[in-house]
Amino acid sequence: MNNNQISNPKTEVPKGTNINDKDYMNSLLSCLKEMVKNYSVVLTEVSNETLYNEYKTMFDEYSNLQRETYELMFRKGWYAIEKAEQQKLDTKYQTLNQEFTDLNA
């Protein structure tokens, strides 16, 4: 494993052409990500307050389900994240801090 990666021990799934749990979860996560993106667009465009509230409820539910799916995949070792180097974090912080300062000048 790469020292810059954060992951859990991988839960093994059957090899071959049959769809396994990891495949289903990958597909579900992709669909949920797309749905959350689409609902965020709808929320910026809907003009009716009642519809907005309905869409917001659905957005929250799909967003939570997307997060739960990601967390389950991470726990099973099917999703890894990469650690950011401290220097990159410091540089980004300085850039954003300068932009913030410029906005308030």
N, C-alpha and C. Protein backbone atom coordinates (compact mmCIF):
# COMPACT_ATOMS: atom_id res chain seq x y z
N MET A 1 0.84 -1.18 0.00
CA MET A 1 0.00 0.00 0.00
C MET A 1 0.88 1.24 0.00
N ASN A 2 0.48 2.24 -0.73
CA ASN A 2 1.15 3.52 -0.81
C ASN A 2 1.09 4.22 0.55
N ASN A 3 2.20 4.81 0.99
CA ASN A 3 2.22 5.51 2.28
C ASN A 3 1.32 6.73 2.30
N ASN A 4 0.95 7.23 1.14
CA ASN A 4 0.07 8.39 1.08
C ASN A 4 -1.40 8.01 1.03
N GLN A 5 -1.70 6.73 1.08
CA GLN A 5 -3.08 6.28 1.03
C GLN A 5 -3.59 5.91 2.41
N ILE A 6 -4.85 6.21 2.63
CA ILE A 6 -5.53 5.82 3.85
C ILE A 6 -6.62 4.84 3.43
N SER A 7 -6.58 3.63 3.97
CA SER A 7 -7.60 2.65 3.62
C SER A 7 -7.68 1.60 4.72
N ASN A 8 -8.70 0.79 4.63
CA ASN A 8 -8.91 -0.33 5.55
C ASN A 8 -8.54 -1.61 4.83
N PRO A 9 -8.39 -2.71 5.59
CA PRO A 9 -8.14 -4.00 4.94
C PRO A 9 -9.28 -4.32 3.96
N LYS A 10 -8.91 -4.78 2.79
CA LYS A 10 -9.88 -5.02 1.73
C LYS A 10 -10.68 -6.29 2.00
N THR A 11 -12.01 -6.18 1.92
CA THR A 11 -12.89 -7.34 1.97
C THR A 11 -12.87 -7.98 0.60
N GLU A 12 -12.45 -9.23 0.54
CA GLU A 12 -12.33 -9.91 -0.75
C GLU A 12 -13.71 -10.25 -1.30
N VAL A 13 -13.81 -10.16 -2.61
CA VAL A 13 -15.04 -10.52 -3.32
C VAL A 13 -14.67 -11.54 -4.39
N PRO A 14 -15.64 -12.33 -4.83
CA PRO A 14 -15.34 -13.33 -5.85
C PRO A 14 -14.81 -12.69 -7.14
N LYS A 15 -13.83 -13.32 -7.74
CA LYS A 15 -13.28 -12.86 -9.02
C LYS A 15 -14.12 -13.44 -10.14
N GLY A 16 -14.00 -12.87 -11.30
CA GLY A 16 -14.71 -13.40 -12.46
C GLY A 16 -15.66 -12.39 -13.05
N THR A 17 -16.51 -12.87 -13.92
CA THR A 17 -17.42 -11.98 -14.65
C THR A 17 -18.74 -11.73 -13.93
N ASN A 18 -19.03 -12.48 -12.89
CA ASN A 18 -20.28 -12.27 -12.15
C ASN A 18 -20.18 -10.99 -11.32
N ILE A 19 -21.29 -10.29 -11.23
CA ILE A 19 -21.33 -9.07 -10.44
C ILE A 19 -21.27 -9.44 -8.96
N ASN A 20 -20.39 -8.77 -8.22
CA ASN A 20 -20.25 -9.05 -6.79
C ASN A 20 -20.67 -7.82 -5.97
N ASP A 21 -20.57 -7.93 -4.66
CA ASP A 21 -21.00 -6.84 -3.78
C ASP A 21 -20.27 -5.53 -4.06
N LYS A 22 -18.97 -5.62 -4.31
CA LYS A 22 -18.19 -4.41 -4.60
C LYS A 22 -18.71 -3.74 -5.87
N ASP A 23 -19.01 -4.53 -6.90
CA ASP A 23 -19.54 -3.98 -8.15
C ASP A 23 -20.87 -3.27 -7.91
N TYR A 24 -21.74 -3.92 -7.15
CA TYR A 24 -23.04 -3.30 -6.84
C TYR A 24 -22.85 -1.98 -6.08
N MET A 25 -21.95 -2.00 -5.12
CA MET A 25 -21.72 -0.79 -4.32
C MET A 25 -21.11 0.33 -5.17
N ASN A 26 -20.19 -0.01 -6.06
CA ASN A 26 -19.62 0.99 -6.96
C ASN A 26 -20.70 1.61 -7.84
N SER A 27 -21.57 0.77 -8.36
CA SER A 27 -22.66 1.25 -9.21
C SER A 27 -23.61 2.14 -8.42
N LEU A 28 -23.96 1.70 -7.22
CA LEU A 28 -24.85 2.48 -6.36
C LEU A 28 -24.23 3.83 -6.03
N LEU A 29 -22.95 3.83 -5.66
CA LEU A 29 -22.28 5.08 -5.31
C LEU A 29 -22.25 6.04 -6.50
N SER A 30 -21.96 5.53 -7.68
CA SER A 30 -21.95 6.38 -8.87
C SER A 30 -23.33 6.98 -9.14
N CYS A 31 -24.36 6.17 -9.02
CA CYS A 31 -25.73 6.67 -9.24
C CYS A 31 -26.10 7.73 -8.21
N LEU A 32 -25.77 7.47 -6.96
CA LEU A 32 -26.11 8.42 -5.90
C LEU A 32 -25.36 9.73 -6.07
N LYS A 33 -24.09 9.68 -6.45
CA LYS A 33 -23.34 10.91 -6.70
C LYS A 33 -24.00 11.73 -7.80
N GLU A 34 -24.42 11.06 -8.86
CA GLU A 34 -25.07 11.76 -9.98
C GLU A 34 -26.41 12.35 -9.54
N MET A 35 -27.17 11.60 -8.75
CA MET A 35 -28.46 12.10 -8.27
C MET A 35 -28.27 13.32 -7.38
N VAL A 36 -27.29 13.29 -6.49
CA VAL A 36 -27.04 14.43 -5.60
C VAL A 36 -26.66 15.66 -6.43
N LYS A 37 -25.81 15.47 -7.45
CA LYS A 37 -25.46 16.59 -8.32
C LYS A 37 -26.70 17.16 -9.01
N ASN A 38 -27.55 16.28 -9.54
CA ASN A 38 -28.74 16.73 -10.24
C ASN A 38 -29.71 17.45 -9.32
N TYR A 39 -29.90 16.93 -8.12
CA TYR A 39 -30.79 17.60 -7.17
C TYR A 39 -30.24 18.96 -6.75
N SER A 40 -28.92 19.09 -6.67
CA SER A 40 -28.37 20.41 -6.32
C SER A 40 -28.67 21.43 -7.42
N VAL A 41 -28.66 20.99 -8.67
CA VAL A 41 -29.03 21.89 -9.77
C VAL A 41 -30.51 22.25 -9.66
N VAL A 42 -31.35 21.26 -9.42
CA VAL A 42 -32.79 21.52 -9.28
C VAL A 42 -33.05 22.53 -8.17
N LEU A 43 -32.34 22.40 -7.06
CA LEU A 43 -32.56 23.31 -5.93
C LEU A 43 -32.23 24.76 -6.28
N THR A 44 -31.31 24.96 -7.20
CA THR A 44 -30.96 26.33 -7.59
C THR A 44 -31.93 26.90 -8.62
N GLU A 45 -32.76 26.04 -9.22
CA GLU A 45 -33.63 26.50 -10.30
C GLU A 45 -35.12 26.47 -9.97
N VAL A 46 -35.52 25.73 -8.98
CA VAL A 46 -36.95 25.62 -8.67
C VAL A 46 -37.46 26.93 -8.06
N SER A 47 -38.61 27.38 -8.54
CA SER A 47 -39.14 28.66 -8.07
C SER A 47 -40.26 28.50 -7.05
N ASN A 48 -40.89 27.35 -7.02
CA ASN A 48 -42.00 27.12 -6.11
C ASN A 48 -41.48 26.63 -4.77
N GLU A 49 -41.90 27.30 -3.69
CA GLU A 49 -41.39 26.98 -2.34
C GLU A 49 -41.75 25.57 -1.90
N THR A 50 -42.95 25.12 -2.22
CA THR A 50 -43.36 23.76 -1.85
C THR A 50 -42.49 22.73 -2.56
N LEU A 51 -42.28 22.93 -3.86
CA LEU A 51 -41.42 22.02 -4.61
C LEU A 51 -39.99 22.07 -4.08
N TYR A 52 -39.53 23.28 -3.77
CA TYR A 52 -38.18 23.41 -3.23
C TYR A 52 -38.03 22.55 -1.97
N ASN A 53 -38.98 22.64 -1.07
CA ASN A 53 -38.91 21.87 0.18
C ASN A 53 -38.94 20.37 -0.08
N GLU A 54 -39.74 19.93 -1.05
CA GLU A 54 -39.78 18.50 -1.40
C GLU A 54 -38.43 18.05 -1.97
N TYR A 55 -37.91 18.84 -2.90
CA TYR A 55 -36.61 18.50 -3.50
C TYR A 55 -35.49 18.55 -2.47
N LYS A 56 -35.57 19.49 -1.56
CA LYS A 56 -34.54 19.60 -0.51
C LYS A 56 -34.55 18.37 0.37
N THR A 57 -35.73 17.88 0.71
CA THR A 57 -35.84 16.66 1.51
C THR A 57 -35.22 15.48 0.76
N MET A 58 -35.53 15.37 -0.53
CA MET A 58 -34.97 14.27 -1.32
C MET A 58 -33.45 14.43 -1.46
N PHE A 59 -32.99 15.67 -1.68
CA PHE A 59 -31.55 15.92 -1.77
C PHE A 59 -30.85 15.46 -0.50
N ASP A 60 -31.40 15.84 0.66
CA ASP A 60 -30.80 15.45 1.93
C ASP A 60 -30.75 13.94 2.10
N GLU A 61 -31.84 13.26 1.72
CA GLU A 61 -31.89 11.81 1.86
C GLU A 61 -30.87 11.13 0.94
N TYR A 62 -30.80 11.56 -0.31
CA TYR A 62 -29.84 10.96 -1.24
C TYR A 62 -28.41 11.30 -0.86
N SER A 63 -28.20 12.50 -0.37
CA SER A 63 -26.87 12.90 0.06
C SER A 63 -26.41 12.04 1.25
N ASN A 64 -27.30 11.82 2.20
CA ASN A 64 -26.98 10.97 3.34
C ASN A 64 -26.72 9.53 2.91
N LEU A 65 -27.53 9.03 1.99
CA LEU A 65 -27.35 7.67 1.50
C LEU A 65 -26.03 7.54 0.74
N GLN A 66 -25.67 8.57 -0.02
CA GLN A 66 -24.40 8.56 -0.73
C GLN A 66 -23.25 8.49 0.26
N ARG A 67 -23.34 9.27 1.34
CA ARG A 67 -22.29 9.28 2.35
C ARG A 67 -22.20 7.92 3.06
N GLU A 68 -23.33 7.35 3.40
CA GLU A 68 -23.35 6.04 4.05
C GLU A 68 -22.74 4.96 3.14
N THR A 69 -23.04 5.04 1.85
CA THR A 69 -22.51 4.09 0.89
C THR A 69 -20.99 4.21 0.80
N TYR A 70 -20.52 5.46 0.70
CA TYR A 70 -19.07 5.70 0.66
C TYR A 70 -18.40 5.15 1.93
N GLU A 71 -18.98 5.45 3.10
CA GLU A 71 -18.38 5.01 4.37
C GLU A 71 -18.34 3.49 4.46
N LEU A 72 -19.38 2.81 3.98
CA LEU A 72 -19.39 1.35 3.98
C LEU A 72 -18.29 0.81 3.06
N MET A 73 -18.16 1.40 1.89
CA MET A 73 -17.11 0.97 0.97
C MET A 73 -15.73 1.23 1.55
N PHE A 74 -15.56 2.34 2.24
CA PHE A 74 -14.28 2.64 2.86
C PHE A 74 -13.95 1.62 3.96
N ARG A 75 -14.96 1.30 4.79
CA ARG A 75 -14.75 0.32 5.85
C ARG A 75 -14.37 -1.04 5.30
N LYS A 76 -14.92 -1.40 4.14
CA LYS A 76 -14.63 -2.70 3.53
C LYS A 76 -13.33 -2.69 2.73
N GLY A 77 -12.66 -1.53 2.68
CA GLY A 77 -11.40 -1.44 1.96
C GLY A 77 -11.55 -1.30 0.46
N TRP A 78 -12.75 -0.98 -0.01
CA TRP A 78 -13.01 -0.84 -1.44
C TRP A 78 -12.83 0.59 -1.93
N TYR A 79 -12.53 1.48 -1.03
CA TYR A 79 -12.34 2.88 -1.37
C TYR A 79 -11.18 3.39 -0.55
N ALA A 80 -10.18 3.96 -1.19
CA ALA A 80 -9.03 4.50 -0.48
C ALA A 80 -8.95 6.00 -0.75
N ILE A 81 -8.42 6.72 0.19
CA ILE A 81 -8.21 8.15 -0.01
C ILE A 81 -6.73 8.44 0.12
N GLU A 82 -6.32 9.53 -0.45
CA GLU A 82 -4.91 9.89 -0.44
C GLU A 82 -4.67 11.02 0.54
N LYS A 83 -3.62 10.84 1.37
CA LYS A 83 -3.24 11.89 2.31
C LYS A 83 -2.61 13.04 1.54
N ALA A 84 -3.00 14.25 1.90
CA ALA A 84 -2.39 15.43 1.30
C ALA A 84 -1.10 15.75 2.05
N GLU A 85 -0.09 16.13 1.31
CA GLU A 85 1.15 16.53 1.93
C GLU A 85 0.94 17.86 2.66
N GLN A 86 1.58 18.01 3.81
CA GLN A 86 1.42 19.21 4.61
C GLN A 86 1.76 20.47 3.82
N GLN A 87 2.78 20.38 2.98
CA GLN A 87 3.18 21.55 2.18
C GLN A 87 2.05 21.99 1.25
N LYS A 88 1.35 21.03 0.64
CA LYS A 88 0.23 21.36 -0.24
C LYS A 88 -0.90 22.01 0.55
N LEU A 89 -1.16 21.49 1.75
CA LEU A 89 -2.19 22.08 2.60
C LEU A 89 -1.83 23.50 2.99
N ASP A 90 -0.58 23.71 3.38
CA ASP A 90 -0.12 25.04 3.77
C ASP A 90 -0.22 26.03 2.61
N THR A 91 0.19 25.59 1.43
CA THR A 91 0.13 26.46 0.25
C THR A 91 -1.32 26.82 -0.08
N LYS A 92 -2.20 25.85 -0.04
CA LYS A 92 -3.62 26.10 -0.33
C LYS A 92 -4.21 27.05 0.70
N TYR A 93 -3.87 26.84 1.96
CA TYR A 93 -4.37 27.71 3.03
C TYR A 93 -3.91 29.14 2.80
N GLN A 94 -2.64 29.33 2.46
CA GLN A 94 -2.11 30.66 2.23
C GLN A 94 -2.82 31.33 1.04
N THR A 95 -3.04 30.58 -0.02
CA THR A 95 -3.72 31.11 -1.20
C THR A 95 -5.14 31.56 -0.85
N LEU A 96 -5.88 30.69 -0.19
CA LEU A 96 -7.26 31.02 0.18
C LEU A 96 -7.32 32.16 1.19
N ASN A 97 -6.39 32.17 2.12
CA ASN A 97 -6.34 33.24 3.12
C ASN A 97 -6.06 34.59 2.44
N GLN A 98 -5.17 34.58 1.45
CA GLN A 98 -4.87 35.82 0.72
C GLN A 98 -6.09 36.28 -0.07
N GLU A 99 -6.78 35.36 -0.72
CA GLU A 99 -8.00 35.71 -1.45
C GLU A 99 -9.05 36.28 -0.52
N PHE A 100 -9.19 35.71 0.65
CA PHE A 100 -10.14 36.21 1.64
C PHE A 100 -9.76 37.62 2.08
N THR A 101 -8.48 37.82 2.34
CA THR A 101 -7.98 39.14 2.74
C THR A 101 -8.25 40.16 1.64
N ASP A 102 -8.01 39.78 0.39
CA ASP A 102 -8.25 40.67 -0.74
C ASP A 102 -9.73 41.04 -0.87
N LEU A 103 -10.60 40.10 -0.59
CA LEU A 103 -12.04 40.36 -0.67
C LEU A 103 -12.49 41.38 0.39
N ASN A 104 -11.85 41.34 1.53
CA ASN A 104 -12.24 42.22 2.63
C ASN A 104 -11.48 43.55 2.66
N ALA A 105 -10.64 43.77 1.64
CA ALA A 105 -9.86 45.01 1.60
C ALA A 105 -10.66 46.16 1.07
